[in-house]
């Protein structure tokens, strides 16, 4: 493929491994979906860049799917750069199996239930100062017809061997707790989220 992006090869996740994969807190306490993107110029700029580069990113994501032969998604850390490429964002491709470890329902469902020949999901995330939490945003980009045609044979071969939708098991960390509490736990007033992005 003529499409090239910088790859972090996991380096971008080193600082935020507890945020994505830590098991001492619930996923909802580690991974935050509702923060407004316009609160941080770096996030807004990255999301705009993803939209601008959507054609190439979708083609790149398709090639990563073909390489790993499994559904997944692209991830980019807003504040991380590889030393050799200080001005370019660095991407990681994580498969569904890897994302099961996050215990985050949205991450898993986004990578389990989509047509990888037509769509690529890009997750843009911003770490907290400690690296123990992230704010995250999801963008979906359409695979161009030209890429789908170019890789048609490879796509067909991989798709034949993909597991069916019912074989994707979404792992969550609060289901049992919720079921136990439904009848006997008092309602608790929701706490206002701490706007930790303001402390950067």
C-alpha atoms as a PDB file:
ATOM      1  CA  UNK A   1       0.000   0.000   0.000  1.00  0.00           C
ATOM      2  CA  UNK A   2       1.099   3.588  -0.638  1.00  0.00           C
ATOM      3  CA  UNK A   3      -0.578   4.740   2.566  1.00  0.00           C
ATOM      4  CA  UNK A   4       1.884   5.245   5.409  1.00  0.00           C
ATOM      5  CA  UNK A   5       1.351   6.479   8.961  1.00  0.00           C
ATOM      6  CA  UNK A   6       3.690   6.497  11.935  1.00  0.00           C
ATOM      7  CA  UNK A   7       3.087   3.484  14.182  1.00  0.00           C
ATOM      8  CA  UNK A   8       3.771   3.588  17.914  1.00  0.00           C
ATOM      9  CA  UNK A   9       3.945  -0.223  18.216  1.00  0.00           C
ATOM     10  CA  UNK A  10       2.482   0.031  21.699  1.00  0.00           C
ATOM     11  CA  UNK A  11       4.707   2.865  22.924  1.00  0.00           C
ATOM     12  CA  UNK A  12       1.771   5.289  23.077  1.00  0.00           C
ATOM     13  CA  UNK A  13       0.008   2.947  25.520  1.00  0.00           C
ATOM     14  CA  UNK A  14       2.905   2.668  27.971  1.00  0.00           C
ATOM     15  CA  UNK A  15       1.846   5.727  29.987  1.00  0.00           C
ATOM     16  CA  UNK A  16      -1.863   4.866  29.877  1.00  0.00           C
ATOM     17  CA  UNK A  17      -1.805   1.105  30.419  1.00  0.00           C
ATOM     18  CA  UNK A  18      -3.612   1.481  33.755  1.00  0.00           C
ATOM     19  CA  UNK A  19      -6.280   3.627  32.127  1.00  0.00           C
ATOM     20  CA  UNK A  20      -7.094   1.071  29.462  1.00  0.00           C
ATOM     21  CA  UNK A  21      -6.229  -2.216  31.122  1.00  0.00           C
ATOM     22  CA  UNK A  22      -6.048  -1.612  34.876  1.00  0.00           C
ATOM     23  CA  UNK A  23      -8.243  -3.929  36.945  1.00  0.00           C
ATOM     24  CA  UNK A  24      -8.351  -1.957  40.198  1.00  0.00           C
ATOM     25  CA  UNK A  25     -11.178   0.319  38.979  1.00  0.00           C
ATOM     26  CA  UNK A  26     -14.275  -0.038  36.833  1.00  0.00           C
ATOM     27  CA  UNK A  27     -13.933   0.822  33.150  1.00  0.00           C
ATOM     28  CA  UNK A  28     -16.236   3.832  33.565  1.00  0.00           C
ATOM     29  CA  UNK A  29     -13.799   5.262  36.121  1.00  0.00           C
ATOM     30  CA  UNK A  30     -10.822   4.838  33.791  1.00  0.00           C
ATOM     31  CA  UNK A  31     -12.244   5.580  30.342  1.00  0.00           C
ATOM     32  CA  UNK A  32     -14.371   8.702  29.926  1.00  0.00           C
ATOM     33  CA  UNK A  33     -16.564   9.144  26.848  1.00  0.00           C
ATOM     34  CA  UNK A  34     -18.577  12.272  27.500  1.00  0.00           C
ATOM     35  CA  UNK A  35     -16.008  15.047  27.725  1.00  0.00           C
ATOM     36  CA  UNK A  36     -16.564  17.787  25.104  1.00  0.00           C
ATOM     37  CA  UNK A  37     -13.838  17.772  22.457  1.00  0.00           C
ATOM     38  CA  UNK A  38     -13.732  21.559  22.202  1.00  0.00           C
ATOM     39  CA  UNK A  39     -12.400  21.882  25.755  1.00  0.00           C
ATOM     40  CA  UNK A  40      -8.892  21.094  24.525  1.00  0.00           C
ATOM     41  CA  UNK A  41      -7.427  22.552  21.335  1.00  0.00           C
ATOM     42  CA  UNK A  42      -5.173  19.530  20.855  1.00  0.00           C
ATOM     43  CA  UNK A  43      -8.143  17.197  20.832  1.00  0.00           C
ATOM     44  CA  UNK A  44     -10.131  19.413  18.477  1.00  0.00           C
ATOM     45  CA  UNK A  45      -7.158  19.643  16.119  1.00  0.00           C
ATOM     46  CA  UNK A  46      -6.605  15.890  16.127  1.00  0.00           C
ATOM     47  CA  UNK A  47     -10.256  15.152  15.406  1.00  0.00           C
ATOM     48  CA  UNK A  48     -10.182  17.652  12.542  1.00  0.00           C
ATOM     49  CA  UNK A  49      -7.016  15.994  11.214  1.00  0.00           C
ATOM     50  CA  UNK A  50      -8.652  12.557  11.363  1.00  0.00           C
ATOM     51  CA  UNK A  51     -11.547  13.898   9.328  1.00  0.00           C
ATOM     52  CA  UNK A  52      -9.205  15.524   6.818  1.00  0.00           C
ATOM     53  CA  UNK A  53      -7.171  12.312   6.449  1.00  0.00           C
ATOM     54  CA  UNK A  54     -10.190  10.001   6.521  1.00  0.00           C
ATOM     55  CA  UNK A  55      -9.622   8.609   3.009  1.00  0.00           C
ATOM     56  CA  UNK A  56      -6.064   7.504   3.774  1.00  0.00           C
ATOM     57  CA  UNK A  57      -6.809   6.474   7.358  1.00  0.00           C
ATOM     58  CA  UNK A  58      -9.620   4.208   6.203  1.00  0.00           C
ATOM     59  CA  UNK A  59      -7.322   2.539   3.686  1.00  0.00           C
ATOM     60  CA  UNK A  60      -4.636   2.172   6.344  1.00  0.00           C
ATOM     61  CA  UNK A  61      -7.130   0.667   8.781  1.00  0.00           C
ATOM     62  CA  UNK A  62      -8.264  -1.803   6.143  1.00  0.00           C
ATOM     63  CA  UNK A  63      -4.686  -2.973   5.612  1.00  0.00           C
ATOM     64  CA  UNK A  64      -4.245  -3.454   9.377  1.00  0.00           C
ATOM     65  CA  UNK A  65      -7.395  -5.577   9.430  1.00  0.00           C
ATOM     66  CA  UNK A  66      -5.988  -7.701   6.615  1.00  0.00           C
ATOM     67  CA  UNK A  67      -2.624  -8.033   8.386  1.00  0.00           C
ATOM     68  CA  UNK A  68      -4.108  -9.155  11.702  1.00  0.00           C
ATOM     69  CA  UNK A  69      -7.015 -11.039  10.108  1.00  0.00           C
ATOM     70  CA  UNK A  70      -9.266  -9.802  12.901  1.00  0.00           C
ATOM     71  CA  UNK A  71     -11.628  -6.919  13.564  1.00  0.00           C
ATOM     72  CA  UNK A  72     -10.081  -4.008  15.444  1.00  0.00           C
ATOM     73  CA  UNK A  73      -9.666  -0.246  15.518  1.00  0.00           C
ATOM     74  CA  UNK A  74      -7.058   2.481  15.205  1.00  0.00           C
ATOM     75  CA  UNK A  75      -5.977   4.393  18.320  1.00  0.00           C
ATOM     76  CA  UNK A  76      -4.082   7.674  18.539  1.00  0.00           C
ATOM     77  CA  UNK A  77      -2.798   9.390  21.682  1.00  0.00           C
ATOM     78  CA  UNK A  78      -3.268  13.148  21.307  1.00  0.00           C
ATOM     79  CA  UNK A  79      -0.103  14.071  23.231  1.00  0.00           C
ATOM     80  CA  UNK A  80       2.227  11.251  22.165  1.00  0.00           C
ATOM     81  CA  UNK A  81       4.806  11.421  19.372  1.00  0.00           C
ATOM     82  CA  UNK A  82       7.571   9.047  18.374  1.00  0.00           C
ATOM     83  CA  UNK A  83      11.015  10.565  18.852  1.00  0.00           C
ATOM     84  CA  UNK A  84      11.872  10.057  15.193  1.00  0.00           C
ATOM     85  CA  UNK A  85       8.637  11.762  14.070  1.00  0.00           C
ATOM     86  CA  UNK A  86       7.943  14.604  16.527  1.00  0.00           C
ATOM     87  CA  UNK A  87       5.334  16.300  14.344  1.00  0.00           C
ATOM     88  CA  UNK A  88       3.281  13.286  13.292  1.00  0.00           C
ATOM     89  CA  UNK A  89       0.666  11.378  15.303  1.00  0.00           C
ATOM     90  CA  UNK A  90       1.476   7.728  15.943  1.00  0.00           C
ATOM     91  CA  UNK A  91      -1.159   5.005  15.556  1.00  0.00           C
ATOM     92  CA  UNK A  92      -1.819   1.629  17.097  1.00  0.00           C
ATOM     93  CA  UNK A  93      -4.166  -1.063  15.799  1.00  0.00           C
ATOM     94  CA  UNK A  94      -5.826  -3.045  18.568  1.00  0.00           C
ATOM     95  CA  UNK A  95      -7.891  -6.124  17.813  1.00  0.00           C
ATOM     96  CA  UNK A  96     -11.131  -7.106  19.515  1.00  0.00           C
ATOM     97  CA  UNK A  97      -9.338  -9.747  21.587  1.00  0.00           C
ATOM     98  CA  UNK A  98      -6.955  -7.134  22.953  1.00  0.00           C
ATOM     99  CA  UNK A  99      -9.799  -4.752  23.742  1.00  0.00           C
ATOM    100  CA  UNK A 100     -11.636  -7.356  25.809  1.00  0.00           C
ATOM    101  CA  UNK A 101      -9.048  -6.594  28.476  1.00  0.00           C
ATOM    102  CA  UNK A 102     -10.329  -3.036  28.821  1.00  0.00           C
ATOM    103  CA  UNK A 103     -13.735  -4.245  30.076  1.00  0.00           C
ATOM    104  CA  UNK A 104     -15.168  -1.232  28.226  1.00  0.00           C
ATOM    105  CA  UNK A 105     -18.428  -2.005  26.461  1.00  0.00           C
ATOM    106  CA  UNK A 106     -18.173   0.754  23.842  1.00  0.00           C
ATOM    107  CA  UNK A 107     -14.646  -0.160  22.770  1.00  0.00           C
ATOM    108  CA  UNK A 108     -15.543  -3.818  22.373  1.00  0.00           C
ATOM    109  CA  UNK A 109     -18.861  -3.324  20.599  1.00  0.00           C
ATOM    110  CA  UNK A 110     -17.268  -0.816  18.217  1.00  0.00           C
ATOM    111  CA  UNK A 111     -14.762  -3.429  17.091  1.00  0.00           C
ATOM    112  CA  UNK A 112     -16.987  -6.507  17.174  1.00  0.00           C
ATOM    113  CA  UNK A 113     -20.042  -5.427  15.233  1.00  0.00           C
ATOM    114  CA  UNK A 114     -19.043  -3.650  12.018  1.00  0.00           C
ATOM    115  CA  UNK A 115     -18.141  -4.465   8.433  1.00  0.00           C
ATOM    116  CA  UNK A 116     -14.336  -4.131   8.224  1.00  0.00           C
ATOM    117  CA  UNK A 117     -14.483  -3.948   4.436  1.00  0.00           C
ATOM    118  CA  UNK A 118     -16.520  -0.746   4.630  1.00  0.00           C
ATOM    119  CA  UNK A 119     -15.689   0.999   7.879  1.00  0.00           C
ATOM    120  CA  UNK A 120     -12.712   1.817  10.084  1.00  0.00           C
ATOM    121  CA  UNK A 121     -13.095   3.153  13.619  1.00  0.00           C
ATOM    122  CA  UNK A 122     -10.544   5.638  14.959  1.00  0.00           C
ATOM    123  CA  UNK A 123     -10.303   6.307  18.694  1.00  0.00           C
ATOM    124  CA  UNK A 124      -8.644   9.559  19.750  1.00  0.00           C
ATOM    125  CA  UNK A 125      -7.667   9.685  23.418  1.00  0.00           C
ATOM    126  CA  UNK A 126      -6.213  12.224  25.852  1.00  0.00           C
ATOM    127  CA  UNK A 127      -4.477  10.963  29.005  1.00  0.00           C
ATOM    128  CA  UNK A 128      -4.906  12.526  32.424  1.00  0.00           C
ATOM    129  CA  UNK A 129      -1.760  13.837  34.082  1.00  0.00           C
ATOM    130  CA  UNK A 130      -1.352  10.613  36.039  1.00  0.00           C
ATOM    131  CA  UNK A 131      -2.042   8.366  33.056  1.00  0.00           C
ATOM    132  CA  UNK A 132      -4.612   6.482  35.112  1.00  0.00           C
ATOM    133  CA  UNK A 133      -7.568   7.832  33.133  1.00  0.00           C
ATOM    134  CA  UNK A 134      -8.251   8.869  29.557  1.00  0.00           C
ATOM    135  CA  UNK A 135     -10.859  10.928  27.796  1.00  0.00           C
ATOM    136  CA  UNK A 136     -11.707   9.294  24.488  1.00  0.00           C
ATOM    137  CA  UNK A 137     -13.585  10.120  21.307  1.00  0.00           C
ATOM    138  CA  UNK A 138     -14.725   7.851  18.483  1.00  0.00           C
ATOM    139  CA  UNK A 139     -14.749   8.625  14.780  1.00  0.00           C
ATOM    140  CA  UNK A 140     -15.841   6.318  11.960  1.00  0.00           C
ATOM    141  CA  UNK A 141     -14.338   6.645   8.481  1.00  0.00           C
ATOM    142  CA  UNK A 142     -15.577   4.928   5.342  1.00  0.00           C
ATOM    143  CA  UNK A 143     -13.263   2.662   3.372  1.00  0.00           C
ATOM    144  CA  UNK A 144     -12.985   4.105  -0.156  1.00  0.00           C
ATOM    145  CA  UNK A 145     -14.266   2.038  -3.057  1.00  0.00           C
ATOM    146  CA  UNK A 146     -10.818   2.097  -4.660  1.00  0.00           C
ATOM    147  CA  UNK A 147      -9.247   0.389  -1.633  1.00  0.00           C
ATOM    148  CA  UNK A 148     -12.026  -2.170  -1.390  1.00  0.00           C
ATOM    149  CA  UNK A 149     -11.545  -3.021  -5.065  1.00  0.00           C
ATOM    150  CA  UNK A 150      -7.756  -3.191  -4.767  1.00  0.00           C
ATOM    151  CA  UNK A 151      -7.885  -5.606  -1.827  1.00  0.00           C
ATOM    152  CA  UNK A 152     -11.017  -7.488  -2.842  1.00  0.00           C
ATOM    153  CA  UNK A 153      -9.386 -10.925  -2.963  1.00  0.00           C
ATOM    154  CA  UNK A 154      -7.666 -10.449   0.406  1.00  0.00           C
ATOM    155  CA  UNK A 155     -10.866  -9.122   1.986  1.00  0.00           C
ATOM    156  CA  UNK A 156     -12.887 -12.096   0.785  1.00  0.00           C
ATOM    157  CA  UNK A 157     -10.300 -14.555   2.076  1.00  0.00           C
ATOM    158  CA  UNK A 158     -10.154 -13.001   5.547  1.00  0.00           C
ATOM    159  CA  UNK A 159     -13.903 -12.478   5.860  1.00  0.00           C
ATOM    160  CA  UNK A 160     -14.550 -16.175   5.200  1.00  0.00           C
ATOM    161  CA  UNK A 161     -12.604 -17.105   8.310  1.00  0.00           C
ATOM    162  CA  UNK A 162     -13.896 -14.410  10.666  1.00  0.00           C
ATOM    163  CA  UNK A 163     -15.943 -15.545  13.652  1.00  0.00           C
ATOM    164  CA  UNK A 164     -19.667 -14.817  13.569  1.00  0.00           C
ATOM    165  CA  UNK A 165     -21.222 -11.969  15.546  1.00  0.00           C
ATOM    166  CA  UNK A 166     -22.466 -14.309  18.284  1.00  0.00           C
ATOM    167  CA  UNK A 167     -18.906 -15.471  18.896  1.00  0.00           C
ATOM    168  CA  UNK A 168     -17.722 -12.012  19.951  1.00  0.00           C
ATOM    169  CA  UNK A 169     -18.069 -11.983  23.732  1.00  0.00           C
ATOM    170  CA  UNK A 170     -18.160  -8.489  25.220  1.00  0.00           C
ATOM    171  CA  UNK A 171     -16.518  -8.496  28.654  1.00  0.00           C
ATOM    172  CA  UNK A 172     -17.762  -5.982  31.233  1.00  0.00           C
ATOM    173  CA  UNK A 173     -16.779  -5.504  34.865  1.00  0.00           C
ATOM    174  CA  UNK A 174     -20.000  -4.195  36.409  1.00  0.00           C
ATOM    175  CA  UNK A 175     -22.734  -6.591  35.287  1.00  0.00           C
ATOM    176  CA  UNK A 176     -22.626  -8.899  38.301  1.00  0.00           C
ATOM    177  CA  UNK A 177     -22.316  -5.966  40.690  1.00  0.00           C
ATOM    178  CA  UNK A 178     -25.269  -4.243  39.023  1.00  0.00           C
ATOM    179  CA  UNK A 179     -27.467  -7.326  39.200  1.00  0.00           C
ATOM    180  CA  UNK A 180     -26.716  -7.784  42.892  1.00  0.00           C
ATOM    181  CA  UNK A 181     -27.458  -4.154  43.662  1.00  0.00           C
ATOM    182  CA  UNK A 182     -30.620  -3.757  41.594  1.00  0.00           C
ATOM    183  CA  UNK A 183     -32.908  -4.817  44.423  1.00  0.00           C
ATOM    184  CA  UNK A 184     -31.026  -3.858  47.547  1.00  0.00           C
ATOM    185  CA  UNK A 185     -28.589  -0.974  46.969  1.00  0.00           C
ATOM    186  CA  UNK A 186     -29.822   2.555  47.768  1.00  0.00           C
ATOM    187  CA  UNK A 187     -29.818   5.031  44.933  1.00  0.00           C
ATOM    188  CA  UNK A 188     -26.778   7.228  45.046  1.00  0.00           C
ATOM    189  CA  UNK A 189     -26.619  10.762  43.815  1.00  0.00           C
ATOM    190  CA  UNK A 190     -24.387  10.913  40.768  1.00  0.00           C
ATOM    191  CA  UNK A 191     -21.196  12.794  41.422  1.00  0.00           C
ATOM    192  CA  UNK A 192     -20.212  15.586  39.083  1.00  0.00           C
ATOM    193  CA  UNK A 193     -17.264  14.541  36.945  1.00  0.00           C
ATOM    194  CA  UNK A 194     -14.016  16.235  37.802  1.00  0.00           C
ATOM    195  CA  UNK A 195     -12.860  18.185  34.786  1.00  0.00           C
ATOM    196  CA  UNK A 196      -9.294  16.962  34.933  1.00  0.00           C
ATOM    197  CA  UNK A 197      -8.471  18.166  31.436  1.00  0.00           C
ATOM    198  CA  UNK A 198      -8.234  21.679  32.897  1.00  0.00           C
ATOM    199  CA  UNK A 199      -5.158  20.701  34.876  1.00  0.00           C
ATOM    200  CA  UNK A 200      -2.859  20.074  31.932  1.00  0.00           C
END
